[in-house]
Protein backbone atom coordinates (compact mmCIF):
# COMPACT_ATOMS: atom_id res chain seq x y z
CA MET A 1 -1.79 -3.11 -18.02
CA THR A 2 -5.56 -3.24 -18.03
CA ASP A 3 -5.44 -6.96 -18.80
CA ARG A 4 -3.42 -7.58 -15.61
CA ILE A 5 -5.84 -5.47 -13.61
CA GLU A 6 -8.76 -7.48 -14.97
CA LEU A 7 -6.89 -10.69 -14.18
CA PHE A 8 -6.45 -9.63 -10.54
CA LYS A 9 -10.08 -8.53 -10.31
CA ASN A 10 -11.21 -11.92 -11.64
CA MET A 11 -8.97 -13.65 -9.12
CA LEU A 12 -10.64 -11.64 -6.35
CA VAL A 13 -14.07 -12.68 -7.57
CA ALA A 14 -12.94 -16.29 -7.31
CA ASP A 15 -11.33 -15.79 -3.88
CA PRO A 16 -12.30 -12.50 -2.18
CA SER A 17 -10.30 -13.33 0.94
CA ASN A 18 -6.97 -13.59 -0.92
CA THR A 19 -5.06 -10.60 0.42
CA MET A 20 -2.03 -11.25 -1.79
CA VAL A 21 -4.24 -10.70 -4.82
CA LEU A 22 -5.38 -7.38 -3.33
CA PHE A 23 -1.75 -6.34 -2.87
CA GLY A 24 -0.98 -7.38 -6.45
CA LEU A 25 -3.95 -5.38 -7.72
CA ALA A 26 -2.75 -2.31 -5.81
CA ASN A 27 0.67 -2.74 -7.38
CA GLU A 28 -0.87 -2.87 -10.87
CA TYR A 29 -2.84 0.31 -10.16
CA GLN A 30 0.39 1.93 -8.98
CA LYS A 31 2.14 1.03 -12.26
CA LYS A 32 -0.75 2.68 -14.09
CA GLY A 33 -0.63 5.78 -11.87
CA ASP A 34 -4.21 5.23 -10.75
CA TRP A 35 -3.65 6.64 -7.27
CA SER A 36 -7.25 6.66 -6.06
CA ASN A 37 -7.54 2.93 -6.77
CA VAL A 38 -4.14 2.32 -5.16
CA ILE A 39 -5.46 3.97 -2.00
CA ALA A 40 -8.80 2.17 -2.00
CA THR A 41 -7.23 -1.22 -2.69
CA LEU A 42 -4.48 -0.84 -0.09
CA GLU A 43 -6.93 0.35 2.53
CA GLU A 44 -8.97 -2.79 1.90
CA TYR A 45 -5.82 -4.93 1.92
CA LEU A 46 -4.60 -3.43 5.21
CA SER A 47 -8.00 -4.00 6.82
CA LYS A 48 -7.63 -7.73 6.09
CA ALA A 49 -3.91 -8.55 6.05
CA ASP A 50 -1.04 -8.58 8.51
CA ASP A 51 1.31 -6.56 6.34
CA GLU A 52 4.95 -6.25 7.38
CA GLY A 53 5.20 -2.60 6.34
CA ALA A 54 5.60 -2.34 2.56
CA ALA A 55 1.92 -1.62 1.89
CA TYR A 56 2.03 1.36 4.24
CA GLY A 57 4.87 2.89 2.24
CA MET A 58 3.01 2.38 -1.01
CA LEU A 59 -0.13 3.86 0.56
CA ALA A 60 1.75 6.88 1.90
CA ARG A 61 3.26 7.61 -1.52
CA ALA A 62 -0.19 7.34 -3.13
CA TYR A 63 -1.55 9.83 -0.60
CA LEU A 64 1.29 12.19 -1.48
CA ARG A 65 0.47 11.84 -5.18
CA THR A 66 -3.12 12.84 -4.44
CA GLY A 67 -2.18 15.86 -2.33
CA GLN A 68 -2.97 14.33 1.07
CA PRO A 69 0.21 14.88 3.12
CA ASP A 70 -1.47 14.35 6.50
CA MET A 71 -2.75 10.95 5.42
CA ALA A 72 0.71 10.15 4.03
CA LYS A 73 2.30 11.01 7.36
CA THR A 74 -0.11 8.72 9.19
CA ALA A 75 0.58 5.89 6.75
CA PHE A 76 4.35 6.32 7.08
CA GLU A 77 4.06 6.34 10.89
CA LYS A 78 2.03 3.12 10.82
CA GLY A 79 4.51 1.67 8.37
CA ILE A 80 7.43 2.50 10.66
CA SER A 81 5.88 0.85 13.70
CA THR A 82 4.72 -2.15 11.66
CA ALA A 83 8.11 -2.62 9.99
CA LEU A 84 9.88 -2.46 13.35
CA SER A 85 7.47 -4.94 14.93
CA HIS A 86 8.21 -7.39 12.10
CA GLY A 87 11.98 -6.95 12.35
CA HIS A 88 12.51 -4.67 9.34
CA PRO A 89 14.56 -1.73 10.68
CA THR A 90 15.90 -0.80 7.24
CA MET A 91 12.38 -0.38 5.87
CA ALA A 92 11.43 1.65 8.95
CA GLY A 93 14.45 3.89 8.40
CA GLU A 94 13.52 4.48 4.77
CA PHE A 95 9.99 5.43 5.80
CA ARG A 96 11.37 7.77 8.49
CA GLU A 97 13.50 9.54 5.85
CA GLU A 98 10.48 9.94 3.56
CA LEU A 99 8.33 11.11 6.47
CA ASP A 100 10.91 13.74 7.40
CA GLN A 101 10.71 15.18 3.88
CA ILE A 102 6.98 15.87 4.02
């Protein structure tokens, strides 16, 4: 796992503007259960990328794992509106269900 994380970090050094690499790095941190790095990486990703919603769901779940339900709610709400604006009603519905359980 660490090798993949290092690979993504090296890719970012080579191309810091590559948002897909940031998303991939966040996913690797998620697999490792490194929630604080998931949050930091996704926040950076979302500040640079036009995500269609998935990153907000991942971010919300990371906030829940770190005991930050208010931040999770905000992320799910942003994810719902973003998913709908990109034509992903199923994703928005899934986020709504998760939001309702907080």
